[in-house]
């Protein structure tokens, strides 16, 4: 429950360090994996994950809406 799926990610432009920088403001990240078109961010607890989803859902990054 503390893992966040980030879909519709422009991974040609957005790198792992960018994803970590964007999502670090919601809490301590214990894992991050970036794949073609999507990523996962793992937080220490579910509260951080829910805050990240609430804060970033619908945000535009590199010309694509998450």
PDB file of N, CA and C in Angstrom:
ATOM      1  N   UNK A   1       0.808  -1.220   0.000  1.00  0.00           N
ATOM      2  CA  UNK A   1       0.000   0.000   0.000  1.00  0.00           C
ATOM      3  C   UNK A   1       0.841   1.270   0.000  1.00  0.00           C
ATOM      4  N   UNK A   2       2.149   1.116   0.149  1.00  0.00           N
ATOM      5  CA  UNK A   2       3.001   2.300   0.165  1.00  0.00           C
ATOM      6  C   UNK A   2       3.718   2.502  -1.174  1.00  0.00           C
ATOM      7  N   UNK A   3       3.308   1.748  -2.199  1.00  0.00           N
ATOM      8  CA  UNK A   3       3.904   1.892  -3.525  1.00  0.00           C
ATOM      9  C   UNK A   3       2.944   2.652  -4.435  1.00  0.00           C
ATOM     10  N   UNK A   4       3.489   3.613  -5.170  1.00  0.00           N
ATOM     11  CA  UNK A   4       2.691   4.447  -6.065  1.00  0.00           C
ATOM     12  C   UNK A   4       3.047   4.121  -7.516  1.00  0.00           C
ATOM     13  N   UNK A   5       2.026   3.852  -8.316  1.00  0.00           N
ATOM     14  CA  UNK A   5       2.199   3.657  -9.753  1.00  0.00           C
ATOM     15  C   UNK A   5       2.058   5.003 -10.437  1.00  0.00           C
ATOM     16  N   UNK A   6       3.007   5.336 -11.301  1.00  0.00           N
ATOM     17  CA  UNK A   6       2.976   6.600 -12.036  1.00  0.00           C
ATOM     18  C   UNK A   6       2.849   6.240 -13.512  1.00  0.00           C
ATOM     19  N   UNK A   7       1.668   6.450 -14.063  1.00  0.00           N
ATOM     20  CA  UNK A   7       1.416   6.086 -15.454  1.00  0.00           C
ATOM     21  C   UNK A   7       1.506   7.261 -16.397  1.00  0.00           C
ATOM     22  N   UNK A   8       1.598   6.952 -17.688  1.00  0.00           N
ATOM     23  CA  UNK A   8       1.678   7.958 -18.755  1.00  0.00           C
ATOM     24  C   UNK A   8       2.868   8.892 -18.544  1.00  0.00           C
ATOM     25  N   UNK A   9       4.006   8.309 -18.199  1.00  0.00           N
ATOM     26  CA  UNK A   9       5.217   9.084 -17.920  1.00  0.00           C
ATOM     27  C   UNK A   9       6.084   9.130 -19.176  1.00  0.00           C
ATOM     28  N   UNK A  10       6.515  10.317 -19.553  1.00  0.00           N
ATOM     29  CA  UNK A  10       7.369  10.477 -20.728  1.00  0.00           C
ATOM     30  C   UNK A  10       8.805  10.111 -20.337  1.00  0.00           C
ATOM     31  N   UNK A  11       9.136   8.823 -20.424  1.00  0.00           N
ATOM     32  CA  UNK A  11      10.445   8.351 -19.960  1.00  0.00           C
ATOM     33  C   UNK A  11      11.573   8.647 -20.952  1.00  0.00           C
ATOM     34  N   UNK A  12      11.242   9.199 -22.102  1.00  0.00           N
ATOM     35  CA  UNK A  12      12.300   9.664 -23.002  1.00  0.00           C
ATOM     36  C   UNK A  12      12.936  10.937 -22.449  1.00  0.00           C
ATOM     37  N   UNK A  13      12.155  11.684 -21.669  1.00  0.00           N
ATOM     38  CA  UNK A  13      12.617  12.956 -21.108  1.00  0.00           C
ATOM     39  C   UNK A  13      12.850  12.853 -19.604  1.00  0.00           C
ATOM     40  N   UNK A  14      11.919  12.208 -18.904  1.00  0.00           N
ATOM     41  CA  UNK A  14      11.958  12.151 -17.447  1.00  0.00           C
ATOM     42  C   UNK A  14      12.789  10.945 -16.993  1.00  0.00           C
ATOM     43  N   UNK A  15      13.799  11.206 -16.173  1.00  0.00           N
ATOM     44  CA  UNK A  15      14.687  10.152 -15.686  1.00  0.00           C
ATOM     45  C   UNK A  15      14.361   9.800 -14.235  1.00  0.00           C
ATOM     46  N   UNK A  16      15.004   8.755 -13.734  1.00  0.00           N
ATOM     47  CA  UNK A  16      14.770   8.287 -12.367  1.00  0.00           C
ATOM     48  C   UNK A  16      15.024   9.403 -11.353  1.00  0.00           C
ATOM     49  N   UNK A  17      16.096  10.159 -11.545  1.00  0.00           N
ATOM     50  CA  UNK A  17      16.408  11.256 -10.619  1.00  0.00           C
ATOM     51  C   UNK A  17      15.311  12.322 -10.617  1.00  0.00           C
ATOM     52  N   UNK A  18      14.688  12.547 -11.775  1.00  0.00           N
ATOM     53  CA  UNK A  18      13.585  13.512 -11.872  1.00  0.00           C
ATOM     54  C   UNK A  18      12.373  13.015 -11.089  1.00  0.00           C
ATOM     55  N   UNK A  19      12.044  11.728 -11.254  1.00  0.00           N
ATOM     56  CA  UNK A  19      10.905  11.139 -10.541  1.00  0.00           C
ATOM     57  C   UNK A  19      11.138  11.245  -9.038  1.00  0.00           C
ATOM     58  N   UNK A  20      12.344  10.901  -8.587  1.00  0.00           N
ATOM     59  CA  UNK A  20      12.661  10.978  -7.153  1.00  0.00           C
ATOM     60  C   UNK A  20      12.556  12.411  -6.647  1.00  0.00           C
ATOM     61  N   UNK A  21      13.022  13.362  -7.433  1.00  0.00           N
ATOM     62  CA  UNK A  21      12.966  14.769  -7.028  1.00  0.00           C
ATOM     63  C   UNK A  21      11.522  15.261  -6.912  1.00  0.00           C
ATOM     64  N   UNK A  22      10.663  14.857  -7.848  1.00  0.00           N
ATOM     65  CA  UNK A  22       9.260  15.284  -7.841  1.00  0.00           C
ATOM     66  C   UNK A  22       8.512  14.692  -6.650  1.00  0.00           C
ATOM     67  N   UNK A  23       8.752  13.413  -6.356  1.00  0.00           N
ATOM     68  CA  UNK A  23       7.964  12.708  -5.350  1.00  0.00           C
ATOM     69  C   UNK A  23       8.565  12.715  -3.945  1.00  0.00           C
ATOM     70  N   UNK A  24       9.800  13.183  -3.787  1.00  0.00           N
ATOM     71  CA  UNK A  24      10.457  13.187  -2.473  1.00  0.00           C
ATOM     72  C   UNK A  24       9.779  14.120  -1.470  1.00  0.00           C
ATOM     73  N   UNK A  25       9.061  15.144  -1.962  1.00  0.00           N
ATOM     74  CA  UNK A  25       8.424  16.100  -1.045  1.00  0.00           C
ATOM     75  C   UNK A  25       7.287  15.483  -0.230  1.00  0.00           C
ATOM     76  N   UNK A  26       6.855  14.274  -0.610  1.00  0.00           N
ATOM     77  CA  UNK A  26       5.749  13.628   0.102  1.00  0.00           C
ATOM     78  C   UNK A  26       6.215  12.670   1.194  1.00  0.00           C
ATOM     79  N   UNK A  27       7.511  12.409   1.254  1.00  0.00           N
ATOM     80  CA  UNK A  27       8.029  11.524   2.285  1.00  0.00           C
ATOM     81  C   UNK A  27       9.279  10.808   1.821  1.00  0.00           C
ATOM     82  N   UNK A  28       9.851  10.008   2.715  1.00  0.00           N
ATOM     83  CA  UNK A  28      11.077   9.275   2.411  1.00  0.00           C
ATOM     84  C   UNK A  28      10.792   8.173   1.389  1.00  0.00           C
ATOM     85  N   UNK A  29      11.549   8.200   0.305  1.00  0.00           N
ATOM     86  CA  UNK A  29      11.422   7.188  -0.744  1.00  0.00           C
ATOM     87  C   UNK A  29      12.411   6.061  -0.447  1.00  0.00           C
ATOM     88  N   UNK A  30      11.895   4.832  -0.414  1.00  0.00           N
ATOM     89  CA  UNK A  30      12.768   3.682  -0.166  1.00  0.00           C
ATOM     90  C   UNK A  30      13.060   2.900  -1.445  1.00  0.00           C
ATOM     91  N   UNK A  31      12.349   3.224  -2.528  1.00  0.00           N
ATOM     92  CA  UNK A  31      12.609   2.569  -3.798  1.00  0.00           C
ATOM     93  C   UNK A  31      11.965   3.320  -4.938  1.00  0.00           C
ATOM     94  N   UNK A  32      12.626   3.276  -6.100  1.00  0.00           N
ATOM     95  CA  UNK A  32      12.083   3.932  -7.287  1.00  0.00           C
ATOM     96  C   UNK A  32      12.543   3.147  -8.509  1.00  0.00           C
ATOM     97  N   UNK A  33      11.590   2.780  -9.360  1.00  0.00           N
ATOM     98  CA  UNK A  33      11.948   2.097 -10.600  1.00  0.00           C
ATOM     99  C   UNK A  33      11.211   2.756 -11.753  1.00  0.00           C
ATOM    100  N   UNK A  34      11.957   3.038 -12.808  1.00  0.00           N
ATOM    101  CA  UNK A  34      11.389   3.696 -13.986  1.00  0.00           C
ATOM    102  C   UNK A  34      11.463   2.726 -15.164  1.00  0.00           C
ATOM    103  N   UNK A  35      10.345   2.571 -15.842  1.00  0.00           N
ATOM    104  CA  UNK A  35      10.230   1.676 -16.985  1.00  0.00           C
ATOM    105  C   UNK A  35       9.721   2.486 -18.169  1.00  0.00           C
ATOM    106  N   UNK A  36       9.584   1.872 -19.314  1.00  0.00           N
ATOM    107  CA  UNK A  36       9.128   2.610 -20.500  1.00  0.00           C
ATOM    108  C   UNK A  36       7.665   3.026 -20.331  1.00  0.00           C
ATOM    109  N   UNK A  37       7.445   4.317 -20.112  1.00  0.00           N
ATOM    110  CA  UNK A  37       6.095   4.857 -20.012  1.00  0.00           C
ATOM    111  C   UNK A  37       5.501   4.906 -18.623  1.00  0.00           C
ATOM    112  N   UNK A  38       6.177   4.332 -17.642  1.00  0.00           N
ATOM    113  CA  UNK A  38       5.641   4.344 -16.277  1.00  0.00           C
ATOM    114  C   UNK A  38       6.756   4.180 -15.253  1.00  0.00           C
ATOM    115  N   UNK A  39       6.378   4.382 -13.980  1.00  0.00           N
ATOM    116  CA  UNK A  39       7.340   4.230 -12.887  1.00  0.00           C
ATOM    117  C   UNK A  39       6.606   3.817 -11.615  1.00  0.00           C
ATOM    118  N   UNK A  40       7.377   3.325 -10.661  1.00  0.00           N
ATOM    119  CA  UNK A  40       6.868   3.037  -9.334  1.00  0.00           C
ATOM    120  C   UNK A  40       7.733   3.779  -8.321  1.00  0.00           C
ATOM    121  N   UNK A  41       7.088   4.335  -7.297  1.00  0.00           N
ATOM    122  CA  UNK A  41       7.807   4.946  -6.182  1.00  0.00           C
ATOM    123  C   UNK A  41       7.320   4.272  -4.912  1.00  0.00           C
ATOM    124  N   UNK A  42       8.260   3.800  -4.105  1.00  0.00           N
ATOM    125  CA  UNK A  42       7.928   3.114  -2.845  1.00  0.00           C
ATOM    126  C   UNK A  42       8.281   4.037  -1.677  1.00  0.00           C
ATOM    127  N   UNK A  43       7.282   4.277  -0.825  1.00  0.00           N
ATOM    128  CA  UNK A  43       7.487   5.109   0.366  1.00  0.00           C
ATOM    129  C   UNK A  43       7.594   4.239   1.610  1.00  0.00           C
ATOM    130  N   UNK A  44       7.998   4.857   2.731  1.00  0.00           N
ATOM    131  CA  UNK A  44       8.089   4.111   3.984  1.00  0.00           C
ATOM    132  C   UNK A  44       6.719   3.772   4.544  1.00  0.00           C
ATOM    133  N   UNK A  45       5.704   4.582   4.223  1.00  0.00           N
ATOM    134  CA  UNK A  45       4.367   4.259   4.732  1.00  0.00           C
ATOM    135  C   UNK A  45       3.264   4.668   3.747  1.00  0.00           C
ATOM    136  N   UNK A  46       2.079   4.163   3.997  1.00  0.00           N
ATOM    137  CA  UNK A  46       0.943   4.386   3.113  1.00  0.00           C
ATOM    138  C   UNK A  46       0.500   5.851   3.098  1.00  0.00           C
ATOM    139  N   UNK A  47       0.655   6.533   4.213  1.00  0.00           N
ATOM    140  CA  UNK A  47       0.241   7.942   4.299  1.00  0.00           C
ATOM    141  C   UNK A  47       1.005   8.792   3.282  1.00  0.00           C
ATOM    142  N   UNK A  48       2.314   8.557   3.160  1.00  0.00           N
ATOM    143  CA  UNK A  48       3.119   9.290   2.176  1.00  0.00           C
ATOM    144  C   UNK A  48       2.660   8.980   0.753  1.00  0.00           C
ATOM    145  N   UNK A  49       2.361   7.713   0.497  1.00  0.00           N
ATOM    146  CA  UNK A  49       1.924   7.298  -0.842  1.00  0.00           C
ATOM    147  C   UNK A  49       0.604   7.960  -1.205  1.00  0.00           C
ATOM    148  N   UNK A  50      -0.332   7.985  -0.263  1.00  0.00           N
ATOM    149  CA  UNK A  50      -1.631   8.615  -0.533  1.00  0.00           C
ATOM    150  C   UNK A  50      -1.477  10.118  -0.784  1.00  0.00           C
ATOM    151  N   UNK A  51      -0.584  10.766  -0.045  1.00  0.00           N
ATOM    152  CA  UNK A  51      -0.339  12.198  -0.244  1.00  0.00           C
ATOM    153  C   UNK A  51       0.251  12.450  -1.633  1.00  0.00           C
ATOM    154  N   UNK A  52       1.135  11.573  -2.073  1.00  0.00           N
ATOM    155  CA  UNK A  52       1.752  11.715  -3.391  1.00  0.00           C
ATOM    156  C   UNK A  52       0.714  11.561  -4.496  1.00  0.00           C
ATOM    157  N   UNK A  53      -0.154  10.582  -4.366  1.00  0.00           N
ATOM    158  CA  UNK A  53      -1.209  10.369  -5.365  1.00  0.00           C
ATOM    159  C   UNK A  53      -2.124  11.588  -5.410  1.00  0.00           C
ATOM    160  N   UNK A  54      -2.537  12.069  -4.248  1.00  0.00           N
ATOM    161  CA  UNK A  54      -3.434  13.232  -4.183  1.00  0.00           C
ATOM    162  C   UNK A  54      -2.774  14.470  -4.779  1.00  0.00           C
ATOM    163  N   UNK A  55      -1.482  14.631  -4.528  1.00  0.00           N
ATOM    164  CA  UNK A  55      -0.782  15.832  -4.972  1.00  0.00           C
ATOM    165  C   UNK A  55      -0.370  15.829  -6.432  1.00  0.00           C
ATOM    166  N   UNK A  56      -0.103  14.665  -6.997  1.00  0.00           N
ATOM    167  CA  UNK A  56       0.449  14.604  -8.350  1.00  0.00           C
ATOM    168  C   UNK A  56      -0.516  14.088  -9.412  1.00  0.00           C
ATOM    169  N   UNK A  57      -1.632  13.512  -9.025  1.00  0.00           N
ATOM    170  CA  UNK A  57      -2.577  12.977 -10.005  1.00  0.00           C
ATOM    171  C   UNK A  57      -3.074  14.089 -10.922  1.00  0.00           C
ATOM    172  N   UNK A  58      -2.921  13.900 -12.214  1.00  0.00           N
ATOM    173  CA  UNK A  58      -3.371  14.901 -13.172  1.00  0.00           C
ATOM    174  C   UNK A  58      -2.355  15.971 -13.498  1.00  0.00           C
ATOM    175  N   UNK A  59      -1.216  15.945 -12.835  1.00  0.00           N
ATOM    176  CA  UNK A  59      -0.174  16.937 -13.088  1.00  0.00           C
ATOM    177  C   UNK A  59       0.467  16.691 -14.452  1.00  0.00           C
ATOM    178  N   UNK A  60       0.846  17.754 -15.142  1.00  0.00           N
ATOM    179  CA  UNK A  60       1.508  17.611 -16.419  1.00  0.00           C
ATOM    180  C   UNK A  60       3.028  17.657 -16.216  1.00  0.00           C
ATOM    181  N   UNK A  61       3.690  16.615 -16.697  1.00  0.00           N
ATOM    182  CA  UNK A  61       5.157  16.561 -16.617  1.00  0.00           C
ATOM    183  C   UNK A  61       5.673  16.176 -18.005  1.00  0.00           C
ATOM    184  N   UNK A  62       6.569  16.992 -18.534  1.00  0.00           N
ATOM    185  CA  UNK A  62       7.171  16.772 -19.858  1.00  0.00           C
ATOM    186  C   UNK A  62       6.099  16.584 -20.938  1.00  0.00           C
ATOM    187  N   UNK A  63       5.029  17.364 -20.850  1.00  0.00           N
ATOM    188  CA  UNK A  63       4.003  17.366 -21.877  1.00  0.00           C
ATOM    189  C   UNK A  63       2.970  16.250 -21.797  1.00  0.00           C
ATOM    190  N   UNK A  64       3.012  15.453 -20.724  1.00  0.00           N
ATOM    191  CA  UNK A  64       2.040  14.370 -20.563  1.00  0.00           C
ATOM    192  C   UNK A  64       1.410  14.453 -19.188  1.00  0.00           C
ATOM    193  N   UNK A  65       0.113  14.173 -19.120  1.00  0.00           N
ATOM    194  CA  UNK A  65      -0.617  14.216 -17.871  1.00  0.00           C
ATOM    195  C   UNK A  65      -0.477  12.862 -17.151  1.00  0.00           C
ATOM    196  N   UNK A  66      -0.018  12.920 -15.914  1.00  0.00           N
ATOM    197  CA  UNK A  66       0.165  11.677 -15.142  1.00  0.00           C
ATOM    198  C   UNK A  66      -1.162  11.043 -14.797  1.00  0.00           C
TER     199      UNK A  66
END
